[in-house]
Protein backbone atom coordinates (compact mmCIF):
# COMPACT_ATOMS: atom_id res chain seq x y z
CA MET A 1 22.36 12.26 -2.70
CA ASN A 2 21.94 13.32 -6.34
CA ARG A 3 25.56 12.36 -7.02
CA LEU A 4 24.91 8.87 -5.65
CA LEU A 5 21.87 8.50 -7.91
CA LYS A 6 24.02 9.34 -10.95
CA VAL A 7 26.63 6.65 -10.26
CA PRO A 8 26.96 4.40 -13.37
CA LEU A 9 25.05 1.12 -13.30
CA GLN A 10 28.25 -0.90 -13.69
CA VAL A 11 29.74 0.67 -10.56
CA LYS A 12 26.49 0.12 -8.62
CA ILE A 13 26.25 -3.57 -9.54
CA LEU A 14 29.95 -4.14 -8.94
CA GLY A 15 29.84 -2.39 -5.57
CA LEU A 16 26.72 -4.27 -4.51
CA VAL A 17 28.06 -7.68 -5.55
CA ILE A 18 31.44 -7.11 -3.89
CA SER A 19 29.79 -5.81 -0.71
CA LEU A 20 27.41 -8.74 -0.52
CA LEU A 21 30.15 -11.27 -1.25
CA LEU A 22 32.45 -9.73 1.35
CA ILE A 23 29.69 -9.79 3.94
CA VAL A 24 28.74 -13.37 3.11
CA ILE A 25 32.35 -14.54 2.98
CA GLY A 26 33.15 -12.74 6.23
CA LEU A 27 30.16 -14.24 8.02
CA LEU A 28 30.77 -17.72 6.65
CA THR A 29 34.48 -17.54 7.50
CA TRP A 30 33.74 -16.41 11.04
CA MET A 31 31.12 -19.12 11.52
CA PHE A 32 33.40 -21.76 10.01
CA ALA A 33 36.37 -20.67 12.11
CA TYR A 34 34.27 -20.63 15.27
CA ARG A 35 32.67 -24.00 14.66
CA GLU A 36 35.86 -25.60 13.37
CA SER A 37 37.87 -24.32 16.33
CA LYS A 38 35.26 -25.55 18.75
CA GLU A 39 34.88 -28.93 17.04
CA ASP A 40 38.63 -29.51 16.72
CA VAL A 41 39.21 -28.71 20.38
CA GLU A 42 36.31 -30.94 21.40
CA GLN A 43 37.63 -33.74 19.20
CA ALA A 44 41.11 -33.32 20.70
CA GLU A 45 39.64 -33.42 24.23
CA ASP A 46 37.59 -36.51 23.44
CA LEU A 47 40.54 -38.18 21.73
CA ALA A 48 42.84 -37.45 24.67
CA MET A 49 40.35 -38.92 27.14
CA GLN A 50 39.55 -41.99 25.04
CA THR A 51 43.22 -42.70 24.34
CA ALA A 52 44.09 -42.43 28.02
CA LYS A 53 41.21 -44.74 28.93
CA THR A 54 42.25 -47.27 26.28
CA LEU A 55 45.82 -47.30 27.52
CA SER A 56 44.72 -47.72 31.14
CA TYR A 57 42.88 -50.95 30.29
CA MET A 58 45.57 -52.46 28.04
CA PRO A 59 47.00 -55.74 29.48
CA VAL A 60 50.60 -54.62 29.05
CA ILE A 61 49.97 -51.63 31.33
CA GLN A 62 47.86 -53.63 33.77
CA ASP A 63 50.69 -56.21 34.05
CA SER A 64 53.30 -53.48 34.57
CA PHE A 65 51.41 -52.13 37.58
CA LYS A 66 50.71 -55.57 39.00
CA ASN A 67 54.43 -56.37 38.79
CA GLU A 68 55.24 -52.89 40.09
CA GLU A 69 57.68 -52.34 37.25
CA PRO A 70 57.27 -51.62 33.54
CA VAL A 71 57.25 -54.60 31.24
CA GLU A 72 59.63 -54.78 28.32
CA ASP A 73 57.20 -53.82 25.53
CA LEU A 74 55.45 -51.02 27.39
CA SER A 75 57.28 -48.13 25.68
CA VAL A 76 56.84 -49.69 22.25
CA VAL A 77 53.08 -50.09 22.71
CA THR A 78 52.75 -46.56 24.11
CA GLU A 79 54.68 -45.08 21.16
CA GLN A 80 52.45 -46.86 18.67
CA ILE A 81 49.32 -45.52 20.33
CA ARG A 82 50.77 -41.97 20.42
CA ASP A 83 51.61 -42.11 16.70
CA GLN A 84 48.12 -43.32 15.84
CA VAL A 85 46.35 -40.44 17.64
CA ASP A 86 49.08 -37.89 16.85
CA ALA A 87 49.42 -36.94 20.50
CA SER A 88 52.29 -34.76 21.70
CA ALA A 89 53.21 -37.05 24.59
CA VAL A 90 52.01 -40.03 26.64
CA LEU A 91 53.03 -40.38 30.28
CA ILE A 92 52.40 -43.42 32.53
CA GLU A 93 53.20 -43.07 36.27
CA ASN A 94 52.50 -45.06 39.42
CA ARG A 95 51.05 -43.57 42.59
CA ASP A 96 54.45 -42.48 43.81
CA GLY A 97 55.23 -40.57 40.63
CA GLN A 98 57.55 -43.23 39.22
CA ILE A 99 57.50 -43.06 35.44
CA PHE A 100 56.71 -46.39 33.86
CA SER A 101 56.67 -44.98 30.31
CA PHE A 102 57.11 -41.63 28.63
CA VAL A 103 57.03 -41.11 24.88
CA GLY A 104 56.86 -37.93 22.86
CA GLN A 105 57.99 -34.42 23.57
CA ALA A 106 57.42 -32.87 26.96
CA ILE A 107 55.47 -29.63 26.61
CA GLY A 108 53.85 -28.77 29.90
CA ASP A 109 55.18 -29.21 33.41
CA GLY A 110 53.36 -31.86 35.36
CA GLU A 111 51.86 -30.78 38.66
CA PRO A 112 50.78 -33.13 41.48
CA GLU A 113 47.43 -31.44 41.53
CA ASP A 114 46.79 -32.63 37.96
CA ARG A 115 46.77 -36.26 39.13
CA TYR A 116 45.00 -35.68 42.45
CA ARG A 117 41.43 -36.43 41.33
CA ALA A 118 42.50 -39.49 39.36
CA LEU A 119 44.53 -40.98 42.25
CA VAL A 120 42.19 -40.06 45.10
CA PHE A 121 38.74 -40.36 43.55
CA GLY A 122 39.50 -42.58 40.59
CA SER A 123 37.85 -40.11 38.19
CA ASN A 124 38.85 -38.98 34.76
CA ASN A 125 40.29 -35.48 34.47
CA LEU A 126 40.57 -33.18 31.45
CA ILE A 127 42.61 -30.00 31.93
CA HIS A 128 44.24 -27.18 29.99
CA THR A 129 47.55 -25.89 31.26
CA GLY A 130 49.79 -23.08 30.10
CA ASP A 131 49.02 -19.98 28.02
CA GLY A 132 49.43 -19.04 24.38
CA ASP A 133 51.83 -21.26 22.49
CA GLU A 134 52.61 -23.14 25.71
CA GLU A 135 49.03 -24.28 26.24
CA VAL A 136 48.67 -28.06 26.60
CA LEU A 137 45.55 -30.24 26.66
CA LYS A 138 45.84 -33.16 29.07
CA GLY A 139 43.61 -36.17 29.47
CA ILE A 140 44.37 -37.93 32.79
CA VAL A 141 42.70 -41.23 33.78
CA PRO A 142 43.44 -43.61 36.65
CA VAL A 143 44.88 -47.09 36.16
CA MET A 144 42.56 -49.41 38.07
CA ILE A 145 44.04 -52.78 39.10
CA ARG A 146 41.62 -55.51 40.12
CA TYR A 147 42.69 -57.71 43.00
CA ASP A 148 40.72 -60.54 44.55
CA ASN A 149 37.85 -58.62 46.11
CA TYR A 150 38.60 -55.01 45.30
CA LYS A 151 40.02 -52.51 42.82
CA LYS A 152 42.80 -50.10 43.53
CA VAL A 153 44.20 -47.07 41.73
CA GLU A 154 47.84 -47.86 41.15
CA GLY A 155 48.75 -45.02 38.82
CA THR A 156 47.69 -42.67 36.01
CA VAL A 157 47.87 -42.39 32.25
CA THR A 158 48.29 -38.89 30.83
CA VAL A 159 47.81 -38.10 27.14
CA GLU A 160 48.91 -34.63 26.05
CA PHE A 161 48.04 -32.61 22.95
CA ASP A 162 49.82 -29.42 21.92
CA MET A 163 47.17 -26.68 21.41
CA LYS A 164 49.54 -24.87 19.08
CA THR A 165 49.40 -27.82 16.70
CA ILE A 166 45.59 -27.87 16.88
CA ARG A 167 45.39 -24.15 16.16
CA SER A 168 47.77 -24.51 13.22
CA LYS A 169 45.43 -27.09 11.74
CA ILE A 170 42.45 -24.79 12.22
CA ALA A 171 44.35 -21.87 10.63
CA TYR A 172 45.21 -24.04 7.63
CA GLU A 173 41.56 -24.93 7.09
CA ILE A 174 40.55 -21.26 7.37
CA ARG A 175 43.18 -20.25 4.80
CA THR A 176 41.87 -22.91 2.47
CA MET A 177 38.34 -21.59 2.83
CA LEU A 178 39.51 -18.00 2.28
CA ALA A 179 41.25 -19.06 -0.91
CA LEU A 180 38.06 -20.65 -2.19
CA SER A 181 36.09 -17.56 -1.14
CA GLY A 182 38.54 -15.37 -3.03
CA GLY A 183 37.86 -17.42 -6.14
CA VAL A 184 34.13 -16.97 -5.67
CA LEU A 185 34.67 -13.21 -5.20
CA ILE A 186 36.60 -12.98 -8.47
CA LEU A 187 33.87 -14.90 -10.30
CA GLY A 188 31.27 -12.57 -8.78
CA VAL A 189 33.16 -9.49 -9.97
CA PHE A 190 33.43 -10.79 -13.54
CA GLY A 191 29.77 -11.89 -13.44
CA SER A 192 28.63 -8.47 -12.25
CA LEU A 193 30.62 -6.75 -15.01
CA PHE A 194 29.04 -9.01 -17.62
CA LEU A 195 25.56 -8.42 -16.16
CA ALA A 196 26.01 -4.63 -16.11
CA ARG A 197 27.16 -4.54 -19.74
CA SER A 198 24.26 -6.77 -20.79
CA ILE A 199 21.75 -4.48 -19.04
CA ARG A 200 23.28 -1.40 -20.65
CA ARG A 201 22.87 -3.00 -24.08
CA ASP A 202 19.20 -3.71 -23.32
CA THR A 203 18.64 -0.11 -22.13
CA LEU A 204 20.33 1.43 -25.18
CA GLY A 205 23.22 2.67 -23.09
CA LEU A 206 21.02 4.69 -20.73
CA GLU A 207 21.75 4.76 -17.03
CA PRO A 208 18.94 3.93 -14.55
CA TYR A 209 18.55 7.56 -13.42
CA GLN A 210 18.19 8.61 -17.06
CA ILE A 211 15.55 5.92 -17.64
CA SER A 212 13.65 6.94 -14.49
CA ALA A 213 13.77 10.60 -15.56
CA LEU A 214 12.37 9.68 -18.99
CA PHE A 215 9.69 7.54 -17.33
CA ARG A 216 8.62 10.36 -15.01
CA GLU A 217 8.53 12.84 -17.86
CA ARG A 218 6.54 10.41 -19.99
CA ASN A 219 3.99 9.86 -17.22
CA ALA A 220 3.74 13.56 -16.51
CA VAL A 221 3.12 14.31 -20.18
CA LEU A 222 0.53 11.55 -20.54
CA GLN A 223 -1.32 12.52 -17.36
CA SER A 224 -1.28 16.24 -18.18
CA VAL A 225 -2.75 15.72 -21.64
CA LYS A 226 -6.47 16.46 -21.65
CA GLU A 227 -6.93 13.97 -24.46
CA GLY A 228 -7.59 10.38 -23.38
CA ILE A 229 -4.78 7.98 -24.36
CA LEU A 230 -5.02 4.19 -24.30
CA ALA A 231 -2.32 1.71 -25.40
CA ILE A 232 -2.73 -2.03 -25.97
CA ASP A 233 -0.34 -4.77 -27.09
CA THR A 234 -0.79 -7.31 -29.87
CA GLN A 235 -2.77 -9.60 -27.54
CA GLY A 236 -5.34 -6.90 -26.82
CA VAL A 237 -4.06 -6.31 -23.27
CA ILE A 238 -4.11 -2.75 -21.91
CA THR A 239 -0.55 -1.55 -21.21
CA MET A 240 -1.23 2.11 -20.43
CA MET A 241 -4.22 4.36 -19.72
CA ASN A 242 -3.91 7.98 -18.63
CA GLN A 243 -6.20 9.76 -16.18
CA SER A 244 -8.18 11.53 -18.90
CA ALA A 245 -8.99 8.16 -20.50
CA ARG A 246 -10.19 6.79 -17.16
CA GLU A 247 -12.51 9.76 -16.71
CA LEU A 248 -13.86 9.66 -20.26
CA LEU A 249 -14.47 5.90 -20.13
CA ASP A 250 -15.80 6.08 -16.55
CA ILE A 251 -13.19 3.63 -15.20
CA LYS A 252 -12.10 4.00 -11.59
CA GLU A 253 -10.01 0.91 -10.91
CA ASN A 254 -6.60 0.01 -12.37
CA VAL A 255 -7.20 -1.94 -15.59
CA GLU A 256 -3.65 -2.21 -16.89
CA GLY A 257 -2.93 -5.86 -17.67
CA GLU A 258 -6.56 -6.66 -18.52
CA PHE A 259 -8.03 -7.37 -21.94
CA VAL A 260 -9.55 -4.32 -23.60
CA THR A 261 -12.68 -6.28 -24.55
CA GLU A 262 -13.35 -6.95 -20.84
CA VAL A 263 -12.99 -3.28 -19.90
CA ILE A 264 -14.65 -1.40 -22.76
CA SER A 265 -18.20 -2.47 -23.50
CA SER A 266 -18.21 -1.21 -27.07
CA GLN A 267 -18.04 -3.31 -30.19
CA THR A 268 -16.75 -0.52 -32.38
CA MET A 269 -13.82 0.52 -30.18
CA PRO A 270 -12.08 -2.92 -29.98
CA ASP A 271 -12.52 -3.27 -33.76
CA MET A 272 -10.81 0.06 -34.28
CA LEU A 273 -8.00 -0.94 -31.92
CA ALA A 274 -7.50 -4.20 -33.79
CA SER A 275 -7.11 -2.34 -37.08
CA SER A 276 -3.66 -2.02 -38.64
CA LEU A 277 -4.64 1.22 -40.37
CA HIS A 278 -4.31 4.77 -39.11
CA ILE A 279 -7.71 6.21 -38.21
CA SER A 280 -8.27 9.95 -37.70
CA ASN A 281 -11.13 12.02 -36.29
CA VAL A 282 -13.83 9.39 -36.27
CA GLU A 283 -16.93 9.96 -34.14
CA LEU A 284 -17.77 7.21 -31.65
CA GLN A 285 -20.78 6.97 -29.35
CA TYR A 286 -19.96 5.48 -25.94
CA LYS A 287 -22.08 5.64 -22.77
CA GLU A 288 -24.02 8.79 -23.60
CA LYS A 289 -20.82 10.42 -24.82
CA THR A 290 -19.81 11.34 -28.33
CA MET A 291 -16.04 11.04 -28.72
CA ILE A 292 -13.61 11.99 -31.49
CA VAL A 293 -11.27 9.02 -31.99
CA ASN A 294 -7.75 8.62 -33.44
CA VAL A 295 -6.04 5.23 -33.77
CA GLN A 296 -2.31 4.88 -34.42
CA PRO A 297 -0.83 1.36 -34.82
CA ILE A 298 2.74 0.78 -33.52
CA ILE A 299 4.82 -0.76 -36.29
CA GLU A 300 8.13 -2.47 -35.49
CA ASN A 301 10.11 -4.44 -38.09
CA ASN A 302 7.14 -4.20 -40.47
CA GLN A 303 4.92 -5.91 -37.88
CA LYS A 304 2.25 -4.51 -35.63
CA ALA A 305 3.55 -4.33 -32.04
CA GLY A 306 0.57 -2.60 -30.49
CA THR A 307 -1.93 0.22 -30.86
CA VAL A 308 -2.31 3.70 -29.36
CA PHE A 309 -5.86 4.96 -29.07
CA SER A 310 -6.58 8.66 -28.40
CA PHE A 311 -9.96 10.30 -28.01
CA ARG A 312 -11.62 13.55 -26.97
CA ASP A 313 -15.07 14.04 -25.49
CA ARG A 314 -17.25 16.03 -27.82
CA THR A 315 -19.85 16.18 -25.06
CA GLU A 316 -17.55 18.41 -23.01
CA ILE A 317 -17.91 21.18 -25.55
CA LYS A 318 -21.67 20.95 -25.32
CA GLN A 319 -21.48 20.93 -21.52
CA MET A 320 -19.30 24.02 -21.64
CA VAL A 321 -21.87 25.77 -23.81
CA ASP A 322 -24.63 24.69 -21.43
CA ALA A 323 -22.63 25.96 -18.46
CA LEU A 324 -22.15 29.32 -20.17
CA SER A 325 -25.88 29.43 -20.85
CA GLU A 326 -26.58 28.79 -17.17
CA VAL A 327 -24.19 31.55 -16.17
CA GLN A 328 -25.94 33.84 -18.62
CA GLN A 329 -29.30 32.85 -17.13
CA TYR A 330 -28.02 33.55 -13.61
CA SER A 331 -26.79 36.91 -14.80
CA GLN A 332 -30.18 37.69 -16.29
CA ASP A 333 -31.90 36.60 -13.07
CA LEU A 334 -29.67 38.89 -11.05
CA ARG A 335 -30.40 41.78 -13.41
CA ALA A 336 -34.11 41.05 -13.17
CA GLN A 337 -33.90 40.91 -9.38
CA THR A 338 -32.03 44.19 -9.33
CA HIS A 339 -34.58 45.68 -11.71
CA GLU A 340 -37.47 44.54 -9.49
CA PHE A 341 -35.79 45.96 -6.41
CA LYS A 342 -35.26 49.27 -8.19
CA ASN A 343 -38.90 49.27 -9.27
CA LYS A 344 -39.98 48.87 -5.65
CA LEU A 345 -37.70 51.74 -4.65
CA HIS A 346 -39.10 53.87 -7.47
CA VAL A 347 -42.65 53.08 -6.37
CA LEU A 348 -41.80 54.02 -2.81
CA LEU A 349 -40.07 57.23 -3.99
CA GLY A 350 -43.08 58.13 -6.15
CA LEU A 351 -45.51 57.61 -3.29
CA LEU A 352 -43.39 59.83 -1.06
CA GLN A 353 -43.11 62.56 -3.72
CA LEU A 354 -46.92 62.47 -4.17
CA HIS A 355 -47.32 62.74 -0.40
CA LYS A 356 -49.07 59.36 -0.37
CA TYR A 357 -47.62 58.56 2.98
CA GLU A 358 -50.26 56.07 4.03
CA GLU A 359 -49.85 54.11 0.78
CA ALA A 360 -46.06 54.20 1.25
CA VAL A 361 -46.37 52.94 4.81
CA THR A 362 -48.76 50.19 3.64
CA PHE A 363 -46.31 49.20 0.88
CA LEU A 364 -43.38 49.06 3.32
CA THR A 365 -45.49 47.18 5.85
CA GLU A 366 -46.38 44.48 3.32
CA GLU A 367 -42.75 44.04 2.29
CA SER A 368 -41.65 44.05 5.93
CA GLU A 369 -44.27 41.47 6.89
CA LEU A 370 -43.11 39.21 4.08
CA GLN A 371 -39.50 39.52 5.18
CA GLU A 372 -40.50 39.10 8.82
CA TYR A 373 -42.46 35.96 7.92
CA HIS A 374 -39.42 34.47 6.20
CA SER A 375 -37.16 35.53 9.06
CA THR A 376 -39.49 33.96 11.61
CA ILE A 377 -39.47 30.65 9.78
CA PHE A 378 -35.74 30.71 9.09
CA PHE A 379 -34.45 31.85 12.45
CA GLN A 380 -37.03 30.31 14.75
CA SER A 381 -38.26 27.15 13.01
CA ILE A 382 -35.59 26.18 10.47
CA LEU A 383 -32.36 26.42 12.46
CA ASP A 384 -29.90 24.74 10.08
CA GLU A 385 -27.78 27.36 8.29
CA LYS A 386 -27.20 25.19 5.20
CA VAL A 387 -30.94 24.75 4.57
CA GLN A 388 -31.49 28.46 5.29
CA ALA A 389 -28.94 29.45 2.63
CA ILE A 390 -30.50 27.15 0.02
CA LEU A 391 -34.03 28.38 0.70
CA LEU A 392 -33.03 32.06 0.62
CA GLY A 393 -31.52 31.57 -2.81
CA LYS A 394 -34.61 29.74 -4.05
CA ILE A 395 -36.92 32.45 -2.65
CA ALA A 396 -35.08 35.09 -4.71
CA LYS A 397 -35.24 32.87 -7.79
CA ALA A 398 -38.98 32.25 -7.28
CA SER A 399 -39.61 35.96 -6.93
CA GLU A 400 -37.98 36.69 -10.30
CA LYS A 401 -39.89 33.86 -11.99
CA LYS A 402 -43.16 35.09 -10.44
CA ILE A 403 -43.63 31.83 -8.56
CA ASP A 404 -45.38 31.72 -5.21
CA PHE A 405 -42.78 29.78 -3.21
CA GLN A 406 -44.47 28.94 0.09
CA ILE A 407 -42.56 27.70 3.11
CA ASP A 408 -44.93 25.86 5.42
CA GLY A 409 -45.25 27.65 8.73
CA GLU A 410 -45.42 24.31 10.54
CA SER A 411 -41.90 23.48 9.43
CA SER A 412 -39.32 22.79 12.12
CA LEU A 413 -35.70 21.75 11.79
CA SER A 414 -32.83 21.62 14.25
CA PRO A 415 -29.21 21.81 13.05
CA LEU A 416 -28.56 18.79 10.85
CA PRO A 417 -26.09 16.02 11.78
CA VAL A 418 -22.49 16.61 10.74
CA PHE A 419 -22.50 13.84 8.11
CA ILE A 420 -25.17 15.70 6.08
CA GLY A 421 -22.98 18.28 4.35
CA LEU A 422 -23.83 21.30 2.25
CA SER A 423 -22.94 19.69 -1.08
CA PRO A 424 -25.41 16.76 -0.76
CA LEU A 425 -28.15 19.18 0.36
CA ILE A 426 -27.56 21.40 -2.68
CA VAL A 427 -27.90 18.37 -4.96
CA ILE A 428 -30.99 17.01 -3.20
CA LEU A 429 -33.00 20.13 -2.33
CA GLY A 430 -31.67 22.27 -5.19
CA ASN A 431 -32.66 19.77 -7.89
CA LEU A 432 -36.08 19.04 -6.41
CA ILE A 433 -37.01 22.71 -5.92
CA ASP A 434 -35.69 23.66 -9.39
CA ASN A 435 -37.73 20.83 -10.93
CA ALA A 436 -40.81 22.08 -9.08
CA PHE A 437 -40.19 25.60 -10.43
CA GLU A 438 -39.93 24.25 -13.99
CA ALA A 439 -43.10 22.18 -13.51
CA VAL A 440 -45.23 25.30 -12.82
CA MET A 441 -43.73 27.59 -15.45
CA ASP A 442 -46.55 26.82 -17.88
CA LYS A 443 -49.20 27.79 -15.32
CA ASN A 444 -51.01 31.12 -15.07
CA PRO A 445 -48.65 33.67 -13.43
CA LYS A 446 -51.12 34.04 -10.57
CA ASN A 447 -51.36 30.30 -10.01
CA LYS A 448 -47.70 29.17 -9.85
CA VAL A 449 -47.39 27.58 -6.45
CA VAL A 450 -44.48 25.57 -5.02
CA SER A 451 -44.50 24.62 -1.33
CA PHE A 452 -41.73 23.44 0.96
CA PHE A 453 -42.11 21.61 4.27
CA VAL A 454 -39.52 20.09 6.62
CA THR A 455 -39.67 18.35 9.98
CA ASP A 456 -37.24 16.37 12.07
CA ILE A 457 -39.62 14.91 14.64
CA GLY A 458 -38.64 11.31 15.34
CA ASN A 459 -35.62 9.42 14.01
CA ASP A 460 -35.77 10.85 10.47
CA ILE A 461 -35.59 14.22 8.75
CA ILE A 462 -38.38 14.67 6.21
CA PHE A 463 -38.36 17.21 3.36
CA GLU A 464 -41.45 17.66 1.20
CA ILE A 465 -41.52 19.70 -2.03
CA ALA A 466 -44.87 20.05 -3.82
CA ASP A 467 -45.96 21.84 -6.96
CA ASN A 468 -49.27 22.35 -8.78
CA GLY A 469 -47.80 21.59 -12.20
CA LYS A 470 -49.09 19.21 -14.84
CA GLY A 471 -47.90 16.09 -12.96
CA ILE A 472 -45.99 13.03 -14.18
CA SER A 473 -47.53 10.49 -16.53
CA GLU A 474 -47.14 6.72 -16.20
CA GLU A 475 -44.69 6.69 -19.12
CA GLU A 476 -42.49 9.12 -17.17
CA GLY A 477 -42.56 7.01 -13.99
CA ARG A 478 -38.87 6.06 -14.35
CA ILE A 479 -37.69 9.61 -13.70
CA LEU A 480 -35.23 8.52 -10.99
CA GLN A 481 -33.20 6.61 -13.59
CA LYS A 482 -30.29 8.38 -15.26
CA GLY A 483 -31.19 9.87 -18.62
CA VAL A 484 -34.96 9.57 -18.09
CA SER A 485 -36.78 12.90 -18.09
CA SER A 486 -40.06 14.48 -19.11
CA LYS A 487 -38.16 17.54 -20.33
CA GLY A 488 -36.68 16.12 -23.50
CA ALA A 489 -33.41 14.58 -24.67
CA HIS A 490 -30.07 15.05 -22.89
CA ARG A 491 -31.88 15.62 -19.59
CA GLY A 492 -32.75 13.38 -16.66
CA TYR A 493 -29.56 13.62 -14.60
CA GLY A 494 -30.80 15.79 -11.72
CA LEU A 495 -33.06 13.24 -10.03
CA SER A 496 -30.59 10.41 -10.62
CA ASN A 497 -27.97 12.52 -8.83
CA VAL A 498 -30.46 13.03 -6.01
CA GLN A 499 -30.94 9.27 -5.79
CA GLU A 500 -27.15 8.68 -5.64
CA GLU A 501 -26.65 11.25 -2.85
CA LEU A 502 -29.53 9.76 -0.86
CA SER A 503 -28.00 6.28 -1.20
CA LEU A 504 -24.73 7.57 0.25
CA LEU A 505 -26.58 9.19 3.16
CA GLY A 506 -28.82 6.16 3.74
CA GLY A 507 -31.96 8.06 2.75
CA THR A 508 -34.88 7.41 0.42
CA ILE A 509 -37.13 9.40 -1.89
CA GLU A 510 -40.82 8.94 -2.63
CA TRP A 511 -43.09 10.77 -5.02
CA ASP A 512 -46.77 11.04 -5.74
CA SER A 513 -48.24 12.69 -8.79
CA LYS A 514 -51.67 13.28 -10.25
CA LYS A 515 -52.01 14.27 -13.86
CA GLY A 516 -52.99 17.90 -14.12
CA GLU A 517 -52.86 18.48 -10.35
CA GLY A 518 -49.17 18.41 -9.47
CA THR A 519 -46.43 16.35 -7.89
CA VAL A 520 -45.15 15.85 -4.35
CA PHE A 521 -41.59 14.61 -3.65
CA THR A 522 -40.79 13.37 -0.14
CA VAL A 523 -37.17 12.92 0.99
CA ILE A 524 -36.46 10.89 4.13
CA LEU A 525 -33.00 11.18 5.70
CA PRO A 526 -31.99 9.24 8.83
CA LYS A 527 -30.42 11.18 11.68
CA SER A 528 -27.76 8.49 12.09
CA HIS A 529 -25.33 7.56 9.35
CA THR A 530 -26.13 3.98 8.34
CA LYS A 531 -24.91 3.83 4.74
CA GLY A 532 -22.06 5.09 2.64
CA GLU A 533 -19.58 4.92 5.50
């Protein structure tokens, strides 16, 4: 297969053209031969019948049969008619088989049965006799003589055509067509050679498999580059955009072939692309992103033929730093949790060493009751494993932050529908609970309360997260919009992500807040999937 792909373009075009021409010529020749053979035979049959009919009605023949002997000019008239239709022979006989006239060359042997239908029934008869080169086409018609009150069949007229002559004519026409087809084939070969050489000049002598290999390598390189790359032509039409550029510019659909001004909603970027100067490492703000831009014009024959635009997202570096900070925070939380657990073990060990067995039992009982309370809620009331996993993680986090994370004992939840996956729940519940934790961090350590309630009674699943933080002011009422937050700049994405996930699941979110008293977020999810399908 690889060898076939590396066949030179000239050989491919030549082979394709010759194959197509041979197929077309073969089909046309076969169709022509078939139709021509059929038409010529039909014409010969019709001509034989019509000639015989014409002769049977001619006065000279009618008079010959009335007089019961051939008239003087009968053979001359018959010969003229035979020459005009190019028949092989013409035979005129009476009922008794007496020949009134015979002109031409005898080919087939006459049989009495050939004339039977014409003499007995007065009908016209068209027959083929003989085989191969001896085959003869005969048109036999009766000679009807009108008497006073009746007509009588007095004889027959037979017009014969040699099928060998007809086939020779057909073969001649086929040879003529084949000669013309051969000329077309030769022209096609020379045309294909010219076309192949012209294409090779346009492709700088590269074969198609070499061009395709270069194209694949070029695409692979462009798509593997982390840097966004965008190319436009002199008309401002996008000719190429790699995957990194789509992600950085937040473009999902295919925009190649569209004007850059219709795709990129930035005034600065099109101006930079229109520039004929090389631009390096220029900062550009675009959709909450700070990008480092390079512009390289394509110069051909001292004229600008297009522009290549490359850019990197400076925000990614900041996000990487933030991610590392979060990992560090998680690590610190785990160390703190481990430290607290060790402290509890040390307390228990100290009580045992001091023989304070009752205090040790009381301490263990309190811890056991707390764990039993959580286990009762998790394994008897909240039966969905995904929600259980999220809440267990948040309980540990609340413990380290000294937050009283209360799970309402009236909560009840059956296993969630399949379409509500773990990832959407992490986004929805995780963000809301984390926001509640942050809202109470400024409170007195003994008064940091966050509560969680869930129920699935009815057609909807309802989650409720409440905190006793400082609340949300009227100016902060747009917190569900992306980039809007009460926590400062470069925040405000958590709740917008919650809103997007709820839209996909067909759910809604409501919130109620009182300044200085706290905030309650209520999430309503339908049990049937009605949106985002």
